[in-house]
N, C-alpha and C. Protein backbone atom coordinates (compact mmCIF):
# COMPACT_ATOMS: atom_id res chain seq x y z
N UNK A 1 -10.63 -6.07 2.11
CA UNK A 1 -9.34 -6.84 1.90
C UNK A 1 -8.84 -6.29 1.17
N UNK A 2 -7.88 -5.72 0.54
CA UNK A 2 -7.20 -5.45 -0.93
C UNK A 2 -5.91 -7.03 -0.97
N UNK A 3 -5.89 -7.57 -1.73
CA UNK A 3 -5.62 -8.76 -2.15
C UNK A 3 -4.19 -8.24 -2.87
N UNK A 4 -3.10 -8.88 -3.02
CA UNK A 4 -1.11 -8.61 -3.63
C UNK A 4 -2.06 -7.86 -5.59
N UNK A 5 -2.56 -9.22 -5.57
CA UNK A 5 -3.18 -9.15 -7.35
C UNK A 5 -3.87 -7.74 -7.48
N UNK A 6 -4.70 -7.22 -6.71
CA UNK A 6 -6.01 -5.75 -6.59
C UNK A 6 -4.82 -4.83 -6.59
N UNK A 7 -3.92 -5.15 -5.87
CA UNK A 7 -2.66 -3.81 -5.32
C UNK A 7 -1.87 -3.72 -6.83
N UNK A 8 -1.41 -4.61 -7.20
CA UNK A 8 -0.60 -4.54 -8.54
C UNK A 8 -1.16 -4.34 -9.70
N UNK A 9 -2.51 -4.83 -9.83
CA UNK A 9 -3.34 -4.44 -10.68
C UNK A 9 -3.90 -2.67 -10.92
N UNK A 10 -3.96 -2.35 -9.51
CA UNK A 10 -4.34 -0.75 -9.25
C UNK A 10 -2.95 0.16 -9.59
N UNK A 11 -1.61 -0.25 -9.29
CA UNK A 11 -0.62 0.40 -9.66
C UNK A 11 -0.61 0.18 -10.94
N UNK A 12 -0.59 -0.73 -11.85
CA UNK A 12 -0.41 -0.90 -13.32
C UNK A 12 -1.59 0.12 -13.75
N UNK A 13 -2.81 0.24 -13.67
CA UNK A 13 -3.97 0.93 -14.43
C UNK A 13 -3.60 2.46 -13.93
N UNK A 14 -2.95 3.26 -12.61
CA UNK A 14 -2.81 4.42 -12.39
C UNK A 14 -1.64 4.44 -12.90
N UNK A 15 -0.47 3.90 -13.16
CA UNK A 15 0.72 4.06 -13.91
C UNK A 15 0.15 4.37 -15.46
N UNK A 16 -0.98 3.60 -16.00
CA UNK A 16 -1.20 3.79 -17.66
C UNK A 16 -2.20 4.76 -17.69
N UNK A 17 -2.65 5.38 -16.85
CA UNK A 17 -4.11 6.35 -17.28
C UNK A 17 -3.31 7.72 -17.29
N UNK A 18 -4.41 8.29 -17.73
CA UNK A 18 -3.96 9.37 -18.26
C UNK A 18 -3.87 10.77 -17.60
N UNK A 19 -4.34 10.37 -16.35
CA UNK A 19 -4.25 11.10 -15.38
C UNK A 19 -2.89 12.13 -15.46
N UNK A 20 -2.87 13.64 -14.47
CA UNK A 20 -1.90 14.25 -14.43
C UNK A 20 -0.74 13.30 -13.42
N UNK A 21 0.57 13.63 -13.14
CA UNK A 21 1.52 12.84 -12.49
C UNK A 21 0.87 13.21 -11.12
N UNK A 22 0.67 14.32 -10.35
CA UNK A 22 -0.12 14.83 -9.46
C UNK A 22 -1.35 13.59 -8.91
N UNK A 23 -2.06 13.89 -9.66
CA UNK A 23 -3.38 12.87 -9.82
C UNK A 23 -2.84 11.43 -9.29
N UNK A 24 -1.97 10.95 -10.25
CA UNK A 24 -1.58 9.73 -10.14
C UNK A 24 -0.56 9.45 -8.93
N UNK A 25 0.24 10.50 -8.33
CA UNK A 25 0.67 9.90 -7.17
C UNK A 25 -0.34 9.99 -6.18
N UNK A 26 -1.34 10.99 -6.23
CA UNK A 26 -2.84 10.93 -4.89
C UNK A 26 -3.52 9.50 -4.86
N UNK A 27 -3.81 9.25 -5.99
CA UNK A 27 -3.86 8.01 -6.28
C UNK A 27 -3.29 6.58 -5.67
N UNK A 28 -1.85 6.71 -6.21
CA UNK A 28 -1.29 5.76 -5.52
C UNK A 28 -1.24 5.87 -3.91
N UNK A 29 -1.00 6.75 -3.51
CA UNK A 29 -0.68 7.62 -2.32
C UNK A 29 -2.62 6.70 -1.39
N UNK A 30 -3.47 6.89 -1.92
CA UNK A 30 -4.51 6.42 -1.71
C UNK A 30 -4.80 5.34 -1.18
N UNK A 31 -4.44 4.64 -2.37
CA UNK A 31 -3.94 2.79 -2.27
C UNK A 31 -3.76 2.72 -1.13
N UNK A 32 -2.17 2.72 -0.67
CA UNK A 32 -1.20 2.84 0.22
C UNK A 32 -1.91 3.44 1.53
N UNK A 33 -2.64 4.31 1.86
CA UNK A 33 -3.41 4.60 3.11
C UNK A 33 -4.25 3.39 3.37
N UNK A 34 -5.06 2.86 2.10
CA UNK A 34 -5.84 1.58 2.28
C UNK A 34 -5.25 0.32 3.16
N UNK A 35 -3.99 0.00 2.36
CA UNK A 35 -2.95 -0.49 2.50
C UNK A 35 -2.69 -0.70 4.14
N UNK A 36 -2.11 0.88 4.75
CA UNK A 36 -1.89 0.88 6.16
C UNK A 36 -3.23 0.80 6.96
N UNK A 37 -4.07 0.85 6.94
CA UNK A 37 -5.39 1.00 7.57
C UNK A 37 -6.15 -0.70 7.43
N UNK A 38 -5.54 -1.36 6.78
CA UNK A 38 -5.52 -3.01 6.60
C UNK A 38 -4.42 -3.74 7.43
N UNK A 39 -3.48 -3.14 7.74
CA UNK A 39 -2.27 -3.97 8.35
C UNK A 39 -2.62 -3.13 9.76
N UNK A 40 -3.22 -2.29 9.97
CA UNK A 40 -3.63 -1.88 11.42
C UNK A 40 -4.77 -2.75 11.72
N UNK A 41 -5.64 -2.95 10.97
CA UNK A 41 -6.90 -4.03 11.60
C UNK A 41 -6.39 -5.58 11.66
N UNK A 42 -5.16 -5.94 10.90
CA UNK A 42 -4.99 -7.19 10.67
C UNK A 42 -3.98 -7.25 12.00
N UNK A 43 -2.98 -6.36 12.83
CA UNK A 43 -2.43 -6.33 13.97
C UNK A 43 -3.46 -6.14 14.64
N UNK A 44 -4.49 -5.76 15.20
CA UNK A 44 -5.39 -5.81 16.29
C UNK A 44 -5.64 -7.34 16.02
N UNK A 45 -6.04 -8.04 15.11
CA UNK A 45 -6.46 -9.14 14.90
C UNK A 45 -5.49 -10.56 15.23
N UNK A 46 -4.29 -9.70 15.07
CA UNK A 46 -3.11 -10.62 15.45
C UNK A 46 -2.88 -10.83 17.01
N UNK A 47 -3.14 -9.53 17.22
CA UNK A 47 -3.02 -9.74 19.39
C UNK A 47 -4.12 -10.99 19.37
N UNK A 48 -5.16 -10.59 19.10
CA UNK A 48 -6.23 -11.41 19.54
C UNK A 48 -5.83 -12.45 19.48
N UNK A 49 -5.28 -13.36 18.40
CA UNK A 49 -5.02 -14.36 18.33
C UNK A 49 -3.71 -14.97 18.81
N UNK A 50 -3.08 -14.06 19.08
CA UNK A 50 -1.68 -14.26 20.15
C UNK A 50 -2.37 -14.44 21.22
N UNK A 51 -3.21 -14.30 22.11
CA UNK A 51 -3.76 -14.43 23.41
C UNK A 51 -4.61 -15.65 23.49
N UNK A 52 -4.87 -16.31 22.24
CA UNK A 52 -5.51 -17.67 22.27
C UNK A 52 -4.76 -18.61 22.02
N UNK A 53 -3.54 -18.40 21.86
CA UNK A 53 -2.44 -19.46 21.68
C UNK A 53 -2.80 -20.07 20.55
N UNK A 54 -3.45 -19.72 19.38
CA UNK A 54 -3.19 -20.90 18.41
C UNK A 54 -1.96 -20.14 17.56
N UNK A 55 -0.90 -21.06 17.50
CA UNK A 55 0.31 -20.73 16.67
C UNK A 55 0.51 -20.71 15.11
N UNK A 56 -0.56 -21.54 14.67
CA UNK A 56 -0.62 -21.73 13.34
C UNK A 56 -1.36 -20.63 12.58
N UNK A 57 -2.52 -20.05 13.14
CA UNK A 57 -3.20 -18.79 12.67
C UNK A 57 -2.26 -17.35 13.05
N UNK A 58 -1.58 -17.92 14.28
CA UNK A 58 -0.39 -16.57 14.69
C UNK A 58 0.18 -16.37 13.70
N UNK A 59 1.13 -17.27 13.31
CA UNK A 59 2.10 -17.56 11.83
C UNK A 59 1.15 -16.93 10.69
N UNK A 60 0.56 -17.39 10.58
CA UNK A 60 -0.71 -16.85 9.46
C UNK A 60 -0.83 -15.09 9.51
N UNK A 61 -1.35 -14.98 10.11
CA UNK A 61 -1.35 -13.69 10.45
C UNK A 61 -0.06 -12.50 10.08
N UNK A 62 0.79 -13.36 11.19
CA UNK A 62 1.98 -12.58 10.70
C UNK A 62 2.52 -12.55 9.03
N UNK A 63 2.45 -13.53 8.49
CA UNK A 63 2.95 -13.29 7.32
C UNK A 63 2.08 -12.69 6.23
N UNK A 64 0.78 -12.17 6.68
CA UNK A 64 -0.44 -11.59 6.08
C UNK A 64 -0.06 -10.56 6.62
N UNK A 65 -0.03 -9.95 7.66
CA UNK A 65 0.66 -8.62 8.24
C UNK A 65 2.15 -7.57 7.48
N UNK A 66 2.85 -8.90 7.56
CA UNK A 66 4.20 -8.19 6.61
C UNK A 66 4.14 -8.39 5.28
N UNK A 67 3.44 -9.12 4.58
CA UNK A 67 3.26 -8.76 2.85
C UNK A 67 2.20 -7.56 2.66
N UNK A 68 1.10 -7.25 3.67
CA UNK A 68 0.45 -6.29 3.42
C UNK A 68 1.52 -4.95 3.79
N UNK A 69 2.94 -4.73 4.60
CA UNK A 69 3.49 -3.73 4.45
C UNK A 69 4.42 -3.85 3.58
N UNK A 70 4.84 -5.04 3.10
CA UNK A 70 5.55 -4.85 1.90
C UNK A 70 4.47 -3.88 0.56
N UNK A 71 3.45 -4.58 0.53
CA UNK A 71 2.66 -3.77 -0.65
C UNK A 71 2.46 -2.13 0.06
N UNK A 72 2.30 -2.15 0.71
CA UNK A 72 2.02 -0.58 1.00
C UNK A 72 3.27 -0.02 0.54
N UNK A 73 4.73 -0.24 0.98
CA UNK A 73 5.65 0.31 1.11
C UNK A 73 6.22 0.12 -0.73
N UNK A 74 5.65 -0.77 -1.45
CA UNK A 74 5.62 -0.92 -2.81
C UNK A 74 4.74 -0.31 -3.37
N UNK A 75 3.34 0.48 -3.20
CA UNK A 75 3.03 1.27 -3.38
C UNK A 75 3.61 3.04 -3.34
N UNK A 76 4.00 2.74 -2.18
CA UNK A 76 4.60 4.42 -2.07
C UNK A 76 6.30 4.31 -2.58
N UNK A 77 6.65 3.35 -2.81
CA UNK A 77 8.02 3.68 -4.09
C UNK A 77 7.41 4.09 -5.24
N UNK A 78 6.23 3.19 -5.65
CA UNK A 78 5.80 3.85 -7.07
C UNK A 78 5.62 5.07 -6.98
N UNK A 79 5.14 5.23 -5.83
CA UNK A 79 4.34 6.76 -5.93
C UNK A 79 5.88 7.97 -5.97
N UNK A 80 6.97 7.48 -5.58
CA UNK A 80 8.20 8.28 -5.27
C UNK A 80 8.63 8.05 -6.78
N UNK A 81 8.75 7.01 -7.01
CA UNK A 81 9.65 6.98 -8.35
C UNK A 81 8.49 7.73 -9.39
N UNK A 82 7.19 7.99 -9.49
CA UNK A 82 6.67 8.70 -10.26
C UNK A 82 6.59 10.00 -9.89
N UNK A 83 6.49 10.58 -8.77
CA UNK A 83 7.22 11.87 -8.57
C UNK A 83 8.51 12.26 -8.55
N UNK A 84 9.26 11.46 -8.79
CA UNK A 84 10.74 11.80 -9.39
C UNK A 84 10.60 11.84 -10.77
N UNK A 85 10.17 11.10 -11.42
CA UNK A 85 10.06 11.24 -12.88
C UNK A 85 9.13 12.51 -13.45
N UNK A 86 8.00 13.20 -12.75
CA UNK A 86 6.95 13.76 -12.97
C UNK A 86 8.26 15.10 -12.72
N UNK A 87 8.93 15.83 -12.43
CA UNK A 87 9.11 16.76 -12.29
C UNK A 87 8.63 17.76 -11.76
N UNK A 88 8.37 17.26 -10.72
CA UNK A 88 7.84 18.18 -9.20
C UNK A 88 8.66 18.85 -8.53
N UNK A 89 8.12 20.22 -8.03
CA UNK A 89 9.01 21.22 -6.88
C UNK A 89 8.58 20.60 -5.70
N UNK A 90 9.11 21.26 -4.60
CA UNK A 90 8.94 21.20 -3.37
C UNK A 90 8.02 21.16 -2.99
N UNK A 91 7.14 21.85 -3.78
CA UNK A 91 5.47 22.23 -2.85
C UNK A 91 4.33 21.05 -3.57
N UNK A 92 5.15 20.04 -4.67
CA UNK A 92 3.94 19.26 -5.04
C UNK A 92 3.37 19.37 -6.11
N UNK A 93 3.45 20.54 -6.84
CA UNK A 93 2.72 21.01 -8.15
C UNK A 93 4.16 20.80 -8.93
N UNK A 94 3.43 20.36 -10.31
CA UNK A 94 4.36 20.49 -11.46
C UNK A 94 5.61 21.42 -11.72
N UNK A 95 6.22 21.37 -11.84
CA UNK A 95 7.28 22.22 -12.79
C UNK A 95 7.49 22.56 -14.13
């Protein structure tokens, strides 16, 4: 499970790396996909907790799920920003 600190550290490391802009975007999207898988698993667990009527645990999982989705969106935004500044063509290759 990726924590917020790990995700934000990876974003900084990828941005600071000497990789090409294309590889940086791919690396960021890989982190985003990992967060999406994590959100899917959390959603399934949340559904199980919902059936058990444990409201405190349900609320905690809802917050965790929401935070994971926000982090995924933050990573995708970083990738879009990098793509915008990397002078990419519509095919994804640098121009």
